[in-house]
C-alpha atoms as a PDB file:
ATOM      1  CA  MET A   1      68.520  94.482 126.521  1.00  0.00           C
ATOM      2  CA  LYS A   2      64.450  94.931 125.472  1.00  0.00           C
ATOM      3  CA  SER A   3      64.324  98.167 127.264  1.00  0.00           C
ATOM      4  CA  VAL A   4      67.481  99.234 125.146  1.00  0.00           C
ATOM      5  CA  LEU A   5      66.574  98.204 121.921  1.00  0.00           C
ATOM      6  CA  VAL A   6      63.213 100.115 122.654  1.00  0.00           C
ATOM      7  CA  ALA A   7      64.878 103.428 123.908  1.00  0.00           C
ATOM      8  CA  ALA A   8      66.960 103.617 120.597  1.00  0.00           C
ATOM      9  CA  ALA A   9      64.391 103.306 118.575  1.00  0.00           C
ATOM     10  CA  ILE A  10      61.723 106.010 120.006  1.00  0.00           C
ATOM     11  CA  GLY A  11      65.139 107.994 120.121  1.00  0.00           C
ATOM     12  CA  LEU A  12      65.915 106.844 116.303  1.00  0.00           C
ATOM     13  CA  LEU A  13      61.807 106.855 114.940  1.00  0.00           C
ATOM     14  CA  ILE A  14      61.078 110.768 116.770  1.00  0.00           C
ATOM     15  CA  SER A  15      64.114 112.359 115.088  1.00  0.00           C
ATOM     16  CA  ILE A  16      63.459 110.759 112.156  1.00  0.00           C
ATOM     17  CA  LEU A  17      60.148 111.618 111.649  1.00  0.00           C
ATOM     18  CA  ALA A  18      60.195 115.046 113.446  1.00  0.00           C
ATOM     19  CA  THR A  19      63.138 116.314 111.741  1.00  0.00           C
ATOM     20  CA  PRO A  20      61.550 117.186 108.709  1.00  0.00           C
ATOM     21  CA  LEU A  21      58.412 118.635 110.386  1.00  0.00           C
ATOM     22  CA  ALA A  22      61.414 121.217 111.781  1.00  0.00           C
ATOM     23  CA  VAL A  23      62.333 121.783 108.824  1.00  0.00           C
ATOM     24  CA  ARG A  24      59.944 123.067 107.409  1.00  0.00           C
ATOM     25  CA  ALA A  25      58.343 124.933 110.318  1.00  0.00           C
ATOM     26  CA  PHE A  26      62.209 127.079 110.944  1.00  0.00           C
ATOM     27  CA  ARG A  27      61.739 127.914 107.137  1.00  0.00           C
ATOM     28  CA  ARG A  28      58.211 129.009 107.875  1.00  0.00           C
ATOM     29  CA  ARG A  29      59.775 130.852 110.796  1.00  0.00           C
ATOM     30  CA  GLY A  30      62.579 132.217 108.502  1.00  0.00           C
ATOM     31  CA  PHE A  31      65.586 130.609 111.215  1.00  0.00           C
ATOM     32  CA  GLY A  32      68.254 129.744 108.992  1.00  0.00           C
ATOM     33  CA  GLN A  33      71.910 129.827 109.358  1.00  0.00           C
ATOM     34  CA  GLU A  34      74.306 132.457 108.842  1.00  0.00           C
ATOM     35  CA  ILE A  35      77.156 131.588 107.388  1.00  0.00           C
ATOM     36  CA  ARG A  36      80.887 133.212 108.611  1.00  0.00           C
ATOM     37  CA  ASP A  37      82.489 135.460 106.232  1.00  0.00           C
ATOM     38  CA  ASP A  38      86.240 134.248 106.639  1.00  0.00           C
ATOM     39  CA  GLY A  39      84.800 130.264 105.870  1.00  0.00           C
ATOM     40  CA  PRO A  40      85.449 128.607 102.688  1.00  0.00           C
ATOM     41  CA  GLU A  41      83.720 130.258 100.302  1.00  0.00           C
ATOM     42  CA  SER A  42      81.884 126.773  99.405  1.00  0.00           C
ATOM     43  CA  HIS A  43      80.114 127.117 102.740  1.00  0.00           C
ATOM     44  CA  LEU A  44      78.345 130.077 101.328  1.00  0.00           C
ATOM     45  CA  SER A  45      75.542 128.482  99.700  1.00  0.00           C
ATOM     46  CA  LYS A  46      74.310 127.136 102.942  1.00  0.00           C
ATOM     47  CA  LYS A  47      73.246 130.455 103.882  1.00  0.00           C
ATOM     48  CA  GLY A  48      69.524 129.917 105.020  1.00  0.00           C
ATOM     49  CA  THR A  49      69.357 126.231 105.854  1.00  0.00           C
ATOM     50  CA  PRO A  50      67.385 126.032 109.213  1.00  0.00           C
ATOM     51  CA  THR A  51      68.947 125.159 112.226  1.00  0.00           C
ATOM     52  CA  MET A  52      68.232 124.379 116.148  1.00  0.00           C
ATOM     53  CA  GLY A  53      67.564 120.816 114.892  1.00  0.00           C
ATOM     54  CA  GLY A  54      69.212 120.170 117.880  1.00  0.00           C
ATOM     55  CA  THR A  55      66.044 120.326 119.885  1.00  0.00           C
ATOM     56  CA  VAL A  56      64.919 117.273 117.801  1.00  0.00           C
ATOM     57  CA  ILE A  57      67.896 115.235 118.872  1.00  0.00           C
ATOM     58  CA  VAL A  58      67.521 116.693 122.596  1.00  0.00           C
ATOM     59  CA  GLY A  59      63.460 115.856 122.209  1.00  0.00           C
ATOM     60  CA  ALA A  60      63.599 112.417 120.709  1.00  0.00           C
ATOM     61  CA  THR A  61      66.775 111.584 123.217  1.00  0.00           C
ATOM     62  CA  VAL A  62      64.119 112.436 126.375  1.00  0.00           C
ATOM     63  CA  ALA A  63      61.465 110.762 124.820  1.00  0.00           C
ATOM     64  CA  GLY A  64      63.531 107.506 124.602  1.00  0.00           C
ATOM     65  CA  TYR A  65      64.963 107.222 127.525  1.00  0.00           C
ATOM     66  CA  LEU A  66      60.877 108.230 129.352  1.00  0.00           C
ATOM     67  CA  LEU A  67      59.596 105.656 126.446  1.00  0.00           C
ATOM     68  CA  ALA A  68      61.642 103.075 127.606  1.00  0.00           C
ATOM     69  CA  HIS A  69      60.841 102.894 131.258  1.00  0.00           C
ATOM     70  CA  LEU A  70      57.220 101.906 130.435  1.00  0.00           C
ATOM     71  CA  PHE A  71      59.142  98.190 129.868  1.00  0.00           C
ATOM     72  CA  LEU A  72      60.538  98.027 132.715  1.00  0.00           C
ATOM     73  CA  ILE A  73      56.824  99.009 134.818  1.00  0.00           C
ATOM     74  CA  GLY A  74      56.693  96.866 137.672  1.00  0.00           C
ATOM     75  CA  GLN A  75      60.993  95.168 137.850  1.00  0.00           C
ATOM     76  CA  PRO A  76      61.633  96.724 141.389  1.00  0.00           C
ATOM     77  CA  GLY A  77      64.799  98.741 140.786  1.00  0.00           C
ATOM     78  CA  ARG A  78      64.136  99.523 137.462  1.00  0.00           C
ATOM     79  CA  GLY A  79      62.178 102.625 138.019  1.00  0.00           C
ATOM     80  CA  VAL A  80      63.983 105.899 136.339  1.00  0.00           C
ATOM     81  CA  THR A  81      66.567 106.366 138.698  1.00  0.00           C
ATOM     82  CA  ALA A  82      68.827 109.710 140.303  1.00  0.00           C
ATOM     83  CA  THR A  83      71.881 109.359 137.169  1.00  0.00           C
ATOM     84  CA  GLY A  84      69.815 109.300 134.104  1.00  0.00           C
ATOM     85  CA  LEU A  85      67.616 112.366 134.573  1.00  0.00           C
ATOM     86  CA  LEU A  86      70.795 114.094 135.835  1.00  0.00           C
ATOM     87  CA  LEU A  87      72.338 113.002 131.956  1.00  0.00           C
ATOM     88  CA  LEU A  88      68.936 114.382 131.235  1.00  0.00           C
ATOM     89  CA  PHE A  89      68.962 117.439 133.248  1.00  0.00           C
ATOM     90  CA  LEU A  90      72.834 117.968 131.558  1.00  0.00           C
ATOM     91  CA  MET A  91      71.878 117.753 127.889  1.00  0.00           C
ATOM     92  CA  VAL A  92      68.838 119.915 128.291  1.00  0.00           C
ATOM     93  CA  GLY A  93      70.694 122.771 129.849  1.00  0.00           C
ATOM     94  CA  LEU A  94      73.281 122.763 127.985  1.00  0.00           C
ATOM     95  CA  GLY A  95      71.180 122.833 124.913  1.00  0.00           C
ATOM     96  CA  THR A  96      69.004 125.618 126.383  1.00  0.00           C
ATOM     97  CA  VAL A  97      72.077 127.919 126.017  1.00  0.00           C
ATOM     98  CA  GLY A  98      72.650 126.577 122.083  1.00  0.00           C
ATOM     99  CA  PHE A  99      69.254 127.545 121.845  1.00  0.00           C
ATOM    100  CA  LEU A 100      70.185 131.084 123.381  1.00  0.00           C
ATOM    101  CA  ASP A 101      72.930 131.160 121.292  1.00  0.00           C
ATOM    102  CA  ASP A 102      71.621 130.266 117.837  1.00  0.00           C
ATOM    103  CA  TYR A 103      68.415 132.171 118.766  1.00  0.00           C
ATOM    104  CA  LEU A 104      70.571 135.384 118.984  1.00  0.00           C
ATOM    105  CA  LYS A 105      72.362 134.602 115.605  1.00  0.00           C
ATOM    106  CA  ILE A 106      68.388 134.050 113.807  1.00  0.00           C
ATOM    107  CA  ARG A 107      67.316 137.570 115.168  1.00  0.00           C
ATOM    108  CA  HIS A 108      70.247 139.577 114.301  1.00  0.00           C
ATOM    109  CA  ARG A 109      71.194 137.962 111.568  1.00  0.00           C
ATOM    110  CA  ARG A 110      75.128 137.354 112.174  1.00  0.00           C
ATOM    111  CA  SER A 111      77.417 134.272 112.615  1.00  0.00           C
ATOM    112  CA  LEU A 112      77.634 134.936 116.327  1.00  0.00           C
ATOM    113  CA  GLY A 113      74.839 134.638 119.141  1.00  0.00           C
ATOM    114  CA  LEU A 114      75.496 134.555 122.356  1.00  0.00           C
ATOM    115  CA  ASN A 115      79.094 136.386 123.454  1.00  0.00           C
ATOM    116  CA  LYS A 116      82.246 133.764 124.911  1.00  0.00           C
ATOM    117  CA  THR A 117      81.387 134.784 128.952  1.00  0.00           C
ATOM    118  CA  ALA A 118      77.548 134.464 128.197  1.00  0.00           C
ATOM    119  CA  LYS A 119      78.336 131.012 126.496  1.00  0.00           C
ATOM    120  CA  LEU A 120      80.879 130.273 129.737  1.00  0.00           C
ATOM    121  CA  VAL A 121      78.438 131.771 132.017  1.00  0.00           C
ATOM    122  CA  GLY A 122      75.448 129.123 130.602  1.00  0.00           C
ATOM    123  CA  GLN A 123      77.987 125.524 130.696  1.00  0.00           C
ATOM    124  CA  LEU A 124      79.623 126.847 134.469  1.00  0.00           C
ATOM    125  CA  VAL A 125      75.658 127.100 135.866  1.00  0.00           C
ATOM    126  CA  VAL A 126      74.937 123.851 134.179  1.00  0.00           C
ATOM    127  CA  GLY A 127      77.906 122.178 134.498  1.00  0.00           C
ATOM    128  CA  LEU A 128      78.869 122.883 138.501  1.00  0.00           C
ATOM    129  CA  THR A 129      74.920 122.278 139.721  1.00  0.00           C
ATOM    130  CA  PHE A 130      75.696 118.350 137.203  1.00  0.00           C
ATOM    131  CA  ALA A 131      78.692 118.075 139.267  1.00  0.00           C
ATOM    132  CA  VAL A 132      77.820 118.446 142.646  1.00  0.00           C
ATOM    133  CA  LEU A 133      74.241 117.004 142.732  1.00  0.00           C
ATOM    134  CA  ALA A 134      76.150 113.726 140.581  1.00  0.00           C
ATOM    135  CA  LEU A 135      78.238 113.329 144.268  1.00  0.00           C
ATOM    136  CA  ASN A 136      74.998 112.513 145.992  1.00  0.00           C
ATOM    137  CA  PHE A 137      72.084 110.554 145.672  1.00  0.00           C
ATOM    138  CA  PRO A 138      74.045 107.526 147.205  1.00  0.00           C
ATOM    139  CA  ASP A 139      71.772 104.177 146.265  1.00  0.00           C
ATOM    140  CA  GLU A 140      71.645 101.220 148.865  1.00  0.00           C
ATOM    141  CA  ALA A 141      75.536 100.492 148.948  1.00  0.00           C
ATOM    142  CA  GLY A 142      76.154 103.832 148.903  1.00  0.00           C
ATOM    143  CA  VAL A 143      76.729 104.275 145.572  1.00  0.00           C
ATOM    144  CA  THR A 144      76.426 108.199 144.302  1.00  0.00           C
ATOM    145  CA  PRO A 145      76.308 108.705 140.549  1.00  0.00           C
ATOM    146  CA  ALA A 146      80.370 110.006 140.643  1.00  0.00           C
ATOM    147  CA  SER A 147      83.255 109.659 142.286  1.00  0.00           C
ATOM    148  CA  GLU A 148      85.603 111.383 143.799  1.00  0.00           C
ATOM    149  CA  PHE A 149      88.010 109.907 141.955  1.00  0.00           C
ATOM    150  CA  VAL A 150      89.745 110.168 138.019  1.00  0.00           C
ATOM    151  CA  SER A 151      88.980 107.046 136.012  1.00  0.00           C
ATOM    152  CA  TYR A 152      90.185 105.536 132.744  1.00  0.00           C
ATOM    153  CA  VAL A 153      88.286 103.015 132.724  1.00  0.00           C
ATOM    154  CA  ARG A 154      87.346 102.175 136.683  1.00  0.00           C
ATOM    155  CA  ASP A 155      88.133 105.027 139.514  1.00  0.00           C
ATOM    156  CA  ILE A 156      92.552 106.078 139.782  1.00  0.00           C
ATOM    157  CA  GLU A 157      92.362 105.372 143.176  1.00  0.00           C
ATOM    158  CA  PRO A 158      95.651 106.979 143.363  1.00  0.00           C
ATOM    159  CA  LEU A 159      94.355 110.075 142.099  1.00  0.00           C
ATOM    160  CA  PHE A 160      91.832 111.322 144.399  1.00  0.00           C
ATOM    161  CA  VAL A 161      90.411 114.952 144.527  1.00  0.00           C
ATOM    162  CA  SER A 162      88.585 116.016 146.900  1.00  0.00           C
ATOM    163  CA  ALA A 163      84.982 116.591 146.003  1.00  0.00           C
ATOM    164  CA  VAL A 164      85.807 120.497 145.332  1.00  0.00           C
ATOM    165  CA  GLY A 165      88.132 118.798 142.503  1.00  0.00           C
ATOM    166  CA  PHE A 166      85.910 116.770 141.129  1.00  0.00           C
ATOM    167  CA  VAL A 167      83.450 119.433 140.303  1.00  0.00           C
ATOM    168  CA  VAL A 168      86.628 121.397 139.182  1.00  0.00           C
ATOM    169  CA  LEU A 169      87.664 118.893 136.703  1.00  0.00           C
ATOM    170  CA  ALA A 170      84.077 117.739 135.889  1.00  0.00           C
ATOM    171  CA  TYR A 171      82.987 121.515 134.663  1.00  0.00           C
ATOM    172  CA  LEU A 172      86.833 121.843 132.723  1.00  0.00           C
ATOM    173  CA  PHE A 173      85.687 118.117 130.913  1.00  0.00           C
ATOM    174  CA  ILE A 174      81.738 118.505 130.311  1.00  0.00           C
ATOM    175  CA  ALA A 175      82.358 121.883 128.545  1.00  0.00           C
ATOM    176  CA  GLY A 176      85.896 120.728 127.135  1.00  0.00           C
ATOM    177  CA  PHE A 177      84.064 118.202 125.126  1.00  0.00           C
ATOM    178  CA  SER A 178      80.624 120.514 124.770  1.00  0.00           C
ATOM    179  CA  ASN A 179      83.549 123.250 123.330  1.00  0.00           C
ATOM    180  CA  ALA A 180      84.822 119.855 121.049  1.00  0.00           C
ATOM    181  CA  VAL A 181      81.517 119.209 119.290  1.00  0.00           C
ATOM    182  CA  ASN A 182      80.689 121.927 118.764  1.00  0.00           C
ATOM    183  CA  LEU A 183      84.070 122.930 117.345  1.00  0.00           C
ATOM    184  CA  THR A 184      83.611 120.160 114.986  1.00  0.00           C
ATOM    185  CA  ASP A 185      79.876 120.973 113.623  1.00  0.00           C
ATOM    186  CA  GLY A 186      80.840 121.983 110.659  1.00  0.00           C
ATOM    187  CA  LEU A 187      80.236 119.527 108.072  1.00  0.00           C
ATOM    188  CA  ASP A 188      76.948 117.960 107.401  1.00  0.00           C
ATOM    189  CA  GLY A 189      76.692 115.529 109.487  1.00  0.00           C
ATOM    190  CA  LEU A 190      80.528 115.139 110.787  1.00  0.00           C
ATOM    191  CA  ALA A 191      79.027 115.721 114.062  1.00  0.00           C
ATOM    192  CA  ALA A 192      75.773 113.768 114.117  1.00  0.00           C
ATOM    193  CA  GLY A 193      77.877 110.756 112.916  1.00  0.00           C
ATOM    194  CA  CYS A 194      80.672 110.782 115.013  1.00  0.00           C
ATOM    195  CA  SER A 195      78.949 111.955 117.792  1.00  0.00           C
ATOM    196  CA  ALA A 196      76.220 108.847 117.039  1.00  0.00           C
ATOM    197  CA  MET A 197      79.271 105.873 116.791  1.00  0.00           C
ATOM    198  CA  VAL A 198      80.573 107.365 120.696  1.00  0.00           C
ATOM    199  CA  PHE A 199      77.079 107.341 122.126  1.00  0.00           C
ATOM    200  CA  GLY A 200      77.460 103.481 120.292  1.00  0.00           C
ATOM    201  CA  ALA A 201      80.611 101.997 121.800  1.00  0.00           C
ATOM    202  CA  TYR A 202      78.779 103.591 125.331  1.00  0.00           C
ATOM    203  CA  VAL A 203      75.530 101.570 125.119  1.00  0.00           C
ATOM    204  CA  VAL A 204      77.908  98.670 125.210  1.00  0.00           C
ATOM    205  CA  MET A 205      80.466  99.577 127.828  1.00  0.00           C
ATOM    206  CA  SER A 206      77.203 100.387 130.027  1.00  0.00           C
ATOM    207  CA  PHE A 207      75.920  97.417 129.675  1.00  0.00           C
ATOM    208  CA  TRP A 208      78.676  95.552 130.167  1.00  0.00           C
ATOM    209  CA  GLN A 209      78.832  97.353 133.635  1.00  0.00           C
ATOM    210  CA  PHE A 210      74.819  96.529 134.464  1.00  0.00           C
ATOM    211  CA  THR A 211      75.528  92.402 133.308  1.00  0.00           C
ATOM    212  CA  HIS A 212      79.123  92.726 135.849  1.00  0.00           C
ATOM    213  CA  ASP A 213      77.209  95.081 138.545  1.00  0.00           C
ATOM    214  CA  CYS A 214      79.214  94.577 141.782  1.00  0.00           C
ATOM    215  CA  ALA A 215      76.159  95.610 143.558  1.00  0.00           C
ATOM    216  CA  ALA A 216      74.648  91.960 141.940  1.00  0.00           C
ATOM    217  CA  SER A 217      77.499  90.095 142.238  1.00  0.00           C
ATOM    218  CA  ALA A 218      81.108  90.859 143.718  1.00  0.00           C
ATOM    219  CA  VAL A 219      83.179  89.126 141.811  1.00  0.00           C
ATOM    220  CA  ASP A 220      86.644  89.723 140.270  1.00  0.00           C
ATOM    221  CA  GLY A 221      86.166  92.573 137.525  1.00  0.00           C
ATOM    222  CA  CYS A 222      82.892  94.002 138.560  1.00  0.00           C
ATOM    223  CA  TYR A 223      82.245  97.667 138.424  1.00  0.00           C
ATOM    224  CA  GLN A 224      81.327  99.988 141.173  1.00  0.00           C
ATOM    225  CA  VAL A 225      78.691 102.268 139.481  1.00  0.00           C
ATOM    226  CA  ARG A 226      75.378 103.604 140.540  1.00  0.00           C
ATOM    227  CA  ASP A 227      72.515 102.468 137.490  1.00  0.00           C
ATOM    228  CA  PRO A 228      74.555 101.217 134.844  1.00  0.00           C
ATOM    229  CA  LEU A 229      71.376 100.350 132.845  1.00  0.00           C
ATOM    230  CA  ASP A 230      69.845 103.821 133.285  1.00  0.00           C
ATOM    231  CA  VAL A 231      72.694 104.760 131.378  1.00  0.00           C
ATOM    232  CA  THR A 232      72.528 102.738 128.950  1.00  0.00           C
ATOM    233  CA  LEU A 233      68.946 103.815 128.302  1.00  0.00           C
ATOM    234  CA  VAL A 234      70.080 107.355 127.571  1.00  0.00           C
ATOM    235  CA  ALA A 235      73.117 106.589 125.609  1.00  0.00           C
ATOM    236  CA  ALA A 236      70.773 104.383 123.627  1.00  0.00           C
ATOM    237  CA  ALA A 237      67.944 106.992 123.533  1.00  0.00           C
ATOM    238  CA  ALA A 238      70.819 109.340 122.277  1.00  0.00           C
ATOM    239  CA  MET A 239      72.629 107.202 119.882  1.00  0.00           C
ATOM    240  CA  GLY A 240      69.327 106.479 118.138  1.00  0.00           C
ATOM    241  CA  ALA A 241      68.136 110.531 118.200  1.00  0.00           C
ATOM    242  CA  CYS A 242      71.814 111.294 116.442  1.00  0.00           C
ATOM    243  CA  LEU A 243      71.266 108.462 113.622  1.00  0.00           C
ATOM    244  CA  GLY A 244      67.903 109.717 112.995  1.00  0.00           C
ATOM    245  CA  PHE A 245      68.620 113.461 112.485  1.00  0.00           C
ATOM    246  CA  LEU A 246      71.827 112.045 110.958  1.00  0.00           C
ATOM    247  CA  TRP A 247      69.159 110.721 107.550  1.00  0.00           C
ATOM    248  CA  TRP A 248      68.303 114.526 106.959  1.00  0.00           C
ATOM    249  CA  ASN A 249      71.556 116.144 108.605  1.00  0.00           C
ATOM    250  CA  THR A 250      74.007 114.726 105.598  1.00  0.00           C
ATOM    251  CA  SER A 251      75.046 116.374 102.553  1.00  0.00           C
ATOM    252  CA  PRO A 252      73.628 118.247 101.444  1.00  0.00           C
ATOM    253  CA  ALA A 253      71.846 119.597 105.187  1.00  0.00           C
ATOM    254  CA  ARG A 254      68.365 120.179 105.131  1.00  0.00           C
ATOM    255  CA  ILE A 255      68.620 121.477 108.616  1.00  0.00           C
ATOM    256  CA  PHE A 256      71.486 121.846 110.838  1.00  0.00           C
ATOM    257  CA  MET A 257      71.440 120.777 114.428  1.00  0.00           C
ATOM    258  CA  GLY A 258      73.374 124.112 115.488  1.00  0.00           C
ATOM    259  CA  ASP A 259      74.741 125.022 119.042  1.00  0.00           C
ATOM    260  CA  THR A 260      71.459 122.924 119.907  1.00  0.00           C
ATOM    261  CA  GLY A 261      72.456 120.093 120.246  1.00  0.00           C
ATOM    262  CA  SER A 262      75.997 120.186 119.897  1.00  0.00           C
ATOM    263  CA  LEU A 263      76.414 121.801 123.407  1.00  0.00           C
ATOM    264  CA  ALA A 264      73.939 119.567 124.381  1.00  0.00           C
ATOM    265  CA  LEU A 265      75.753 116.087 122.863  1.00  0.00           C
ATOM    266  CA  GLY A 266      79.230 116.904 123.757  1.00  0.00           C
ATOM    267  CA  GLY A 267      77.546 117.565 127.903  1.00  0.00           C
ATOM    268  CA  LEU A 268      76.419 114.419 127.403  1.00  0.00           C
ATOM    269  CA  MET A 269      78.858 112.480 125.972  1.00  0.00           C
ATOM    270  CA  ALA A 270      81.046 113.999 129.026  1.00  0.00           C
ATOM    271  CA  GLY A 271      78.517 113.130 131.579  1.00  0.00           C
ATOM    272  CA  ILE A 272      78.759 109.550 130.829  1.00  0.00           C
ATOM    273  CA  ALA A 273      82.172 109.351 130.859  1.00  0.00           C
ATOM    274  CA  ILE A 274      81.445 110.268 134.487  1.00  0.00           C
ATOM    275  CA  VAL A 275      79.030 108.556 135.297  1.00  0.00           C
ATOM    276  CA  THR A 276      80.358 105.312 134.062  1.00  0.00           C
ATOM    277  CA  ARG A 277      83.729 106.027 135.859  1.00  0.00           C
ATOM    278  CA  THR A 278      85.456 106.402 131.895  1.00  0.00           C
ATOM    279  CA  GLU A 279      86.486 109.787 132.094  1.00  0.00           C
ATOM    280  CA  LEU A 280      90.245 109.559 130.202  1.00  0.00           C
ATOM    281  CA  LEU A 281      88.465 107.137 127.975  1.00  0.00           C
ATOM    282  CA  LEU A 282      86.722 109.205 126.407  1.00  0.00           C
ATOM    283  CA  VAL A 283      89.797 111.004 125.724  1.00  0.00           C
ATOM    284  CA  VAL A 284      90.229 108.094 123.287  1.00  0.00           C
ATOM    285  CA  LEU A 285      86.759 107.495 121.989  1.00  0.00           C
ATOM    286  CA  GLY A 286      86.872 111.126 121.390  1.00  0.00           C
ATOM    287  CA  GLY A 287      89.584 111.425 119.922  1.00  0.00           C
ATOM    288  CA  LEU A 288      88.508 112.876 116.506  1.00  0.00           C
ATOM    289  CA  PHE A 289      86.907 115.837 118.622  1.00  0.00           C
ATOM    290  CA  VAL A 290      90.113 115.829 120.716  1.00  0.00           C
ATOM    291  CA  ALA A 291      92.069 116.266 117.333  1.00  0.00           C
ATOM    292  CA  VAL A 292      89.563 118.934 116.353  1.00  0.00           C
ATOM    293  CA  THR A 293      89.776 121.450 119.307  1.00  0.00           C
ATOM    294  CA  LEU A 294      93.692 120.684 119.398  1.00  0.00           C
ATOM    295  CA  SER A 295      93.623 122.241 115.987  1.00  0.00           C
ATOM    296  CA  VAL A 296      92.457 125.300 117.238  1.00  0.00           C
ATOM    297  CA  VAL A 297      94.313 125.654 120.496  1.00  0.00           C
ATOM    298  CA  ILE A 298      97.296 124.748 118.252  1.00  0.00           C
ATOM    299  CA  GLN A 299      96.754 127.269 115.610  1.00  0.00           C
ATOM    300  CA  VAL A 300      95.625 130.341 117.637  1.00  0.00           C
ATOM    301  CA  ALA A 301      98.876 130.044 120.284  1.00  0.00           C
ATOM    302  CA  PHE A 302     101.116 129.570 116.815  1.00  0.00           C
ATOM    303  CA  PHE A 303      99.538 132.506 115.250  1.00  0.00           C
ATOM    304  CA  ARG A 304      99.784 134.850 118.461  1.00  0.00           C
ATOM    305  CA  ALA A 305     103.560 134.156 119.267  1.00  0.00           C
ATOM    306  CA  THR A 306     104.405 133.859 115.214  1.00  0.00           C
ATOM    307  CA  ARG A 307     102.041 135.294 112.953  1.00  0.00           C
ATOM    308  CA  ARG A 308     102.078 132.715 110.712  1.00  0.00           C
ATOM    309  CA  ARG A 309      99.369 128.959 111.003  1.00  0.00           C
ATOM    310  CA  VAL A 310      99.875 126.356 111.460  1.00  0.00           C
ATOM    311  CA  PHE A 311      96.925 125.114 109.330  1.00  0.00           C
ATOM    312  CA  ARG A 312      95.082 126.509 106.448  1.00  0.00           C
ATOM    313  CA  MET A 313      91.856 127.361 108.252  1.00  0.00           C
ATOM    314  CA  ALA A 314      91.235 126.291 112.324  1.00  0.00           C
ATOM    315  CA  PRO A 315      89.028 123.920 112.554  1.00  0.00           C
ATOM    316  CA  LEU A 316      90.874 120.795 111.086  1.00  0.00           C
ATOM    317  CA  HIS A 317      88.105 120.050 108.684  1.00  0.00           C
ATOM    318  CA  HIS A 318      88.572 122.689 107.300  1.00  0.00           C
ATOM    319  CA  HIS A 319      92.034 122.375 106.695  1.00  0.00           C
ATOM    320  CA  PHE A 320      91.589 119.145 104.089  1.00  0.00           C
ATOM    321  CA  GLU A 321      88.514 121.088 102.984  1.00  0.00           C
ATOM    322  CA  LEU A 322      91.057 123.982 101.749  1.00  0.00           C
ATOM    323  CA  ALA A 323      93.576 121.388 101.081  1.00  0.00           C
ATOM    324  CA  GLY A 324      90.738 120.659  98.207  1.00  0.00           C
ATOM    325  CA  TRP A 325      89.140 117.680  99.598  1.00  0.00           C
ATOM    326  CA  ALA A 326      86.296 117.669  98.829  1.00  0.00           C
ATOM    327  CA  GLU A 327      83.420 117.832 101.842  1.00  0.00           C
ATOM    328  CA  ASN A 328      81.856 114.658 101.476  1.00  0.00           C
ATOM    329  CA  THR A 329      85.631 112.922 101.391  1.00  0.00           C
ATOM    330  CA  VAL A 330      86.300 114.730 104.884  1.00  0.00           C
ATOM    331  CA  ILE A 331      82.912 113.622 106.296  1.00  0.00           C
ATOM    332  CA  VAL A 332      83.961 110.094 105.782  1.00  0.00           C
ATOM    333  CA  ARG A 333      87.360 109.769 106.240  1.00  0.00           C
ATOM    334  CA  PHE A 334      86.732 111.365 109.240  1.00  0.00           C
ATOM    335  CA  TRP A 335      83.509 109.216 110.134  1.00  0.00           C
ATOM    336  CA  LEU A 336      86.982 106.524 109.762  1.00  0.00           C
ATOM    337  CA  VAL A 337      88.722 107.701 111.833  1.00  0.00           C
ATOM    338  CA  THR A 338      85.951 107.771 114.627  1.00  0.00           C
ATOM    339  CA  GLY A 339      85.671 104.442 114.022  1.00  0.00           C
ATOM    340  CA  MET A 340      88.821 103.081 114.982  1.00  0.00           C
ATOM    341  CA  ALA A 341      88.583 105.233 117.947  1.00  0.00           C
ATOM    342  CA  VAL A 342      86.085 103.856 119.271  1.00  0.00           C
ATOM    343  CA  ALA A 343      87.196 100.274 118.806  1.00  0.00           C
ATOM    344  CA  PHE A 344      90.693 100.685 120.186  1.00  0.00           C
ATOM    345  CA  GLY A 345      88.591 102.284 122.661  1.00  0.00           C
ATOM    346  CA  LEU A 346      86.554  99.658 123.681  1.00  0.00           C
ATOM    347  CA  GLY A 347      89.034  96.979 123.421  1.00  0.00           C
ATOM    348  CA  LEU A 348      91.080  98.536 126.415  1.00  0.00           C
ATOM    349  CA  PHE A 349      87.353  98.477 128.187  1.00  0.00           C
ATOM    350  CA  TYR A 350      87.572  95.293 126.927  1.00  0.00           C
ATOM    351  CA  ALA A 351      91.438  94.582 127.732  1.00  0.00           C
ATOM    352  CA  ASP A 352      90.451  95.518 131.169  1.00  0.00           C
ATOM    353  CA  TRP A 353      88.049  93.445 131.920  1.00  0.00           C
ATOM    354  CA  LEU A 354      90.604  90.313 131.080  1.00  0.00           C
ATOM    355  CA  SER A 355      93.422  91.984 133.271  1.00  0.00           C
ATOM    356  CA  ILE A 356      91.567  91.695 135.843  1.00  0.00           C
ATOM    357  CA  THR A 357      89.926  88.418 135.324  1.00  0.00           C
ATOM    358  CA  GLY A 358      92.503  86.741 134.115  1.00  0.00           C
ATOM    359  CA  LEU A 359      91.344  85.207 130.971  1.00  0.00           C
END
């Protein structure tokens, strides 16, 4: 438990202390955010705010995970694991795609960076690499970081998809959630606050899996997962990094995470869901991200079919802004929705364990 607290604390401290340094450095280099002309007029005043703050989040998460392992030295079976490294690879890889997107926006002084094809190719390379590698590296019990089943709270045995099917679904899942967090990152502190809550939920669930791991004790209700404690360390470090960044990103934001942060955080959420066998449960935990994404899909599809709009503007948070809600009101209420979704998801996770154990 000490290592989990250390991972969260280091992620928090590095993020909260390094972010103002990044603000000053990015300001000197002119790394300011470009704002869409077709967005809410109230956002035009944010033009020039430093972006690419996601570099701090990614760095703080990696540092929190690695430094936490100093407290596990000498404990058998508690070193850096394939699962932990794969999750960091996924986060850093998608963060790199986002960094290139942010850099092109700054360099060309426009609100669009990488084109859609280039961004999808980047996500494809990183996502497929993660998915293929996650089906390898079995432990002593033969358990790999990922499985060839669709999962909810555990693997759903009738839903066997084979290795090829898993790789395809894993890519779609990773790309979907990385883009979902990217779409949600439109208001000060919205994506960072919601992400922190989802990672907090995974700290609880993965640590519960660690204390009820079938590798340690094959009793009713145990979990057949690989390296659950290492997953807890990654989730704790990411949660701390998001909270530290939120200190400076809350309204009025002194820095934005940019695509560097949003793609990395969304991809990491999907990766953690895959290795904890809770893929469909993430749809509940990250319900706000799903709702924001659906608002864009519905808006585009309905407009193409009828030339009329369902929402005043998509994504969903802009609809409420144009409906007269203050930005802070939208943010806090969306945080509350995420909090309720996370609480409900944790309840479903625990209810599954109760139903199996009969307690």
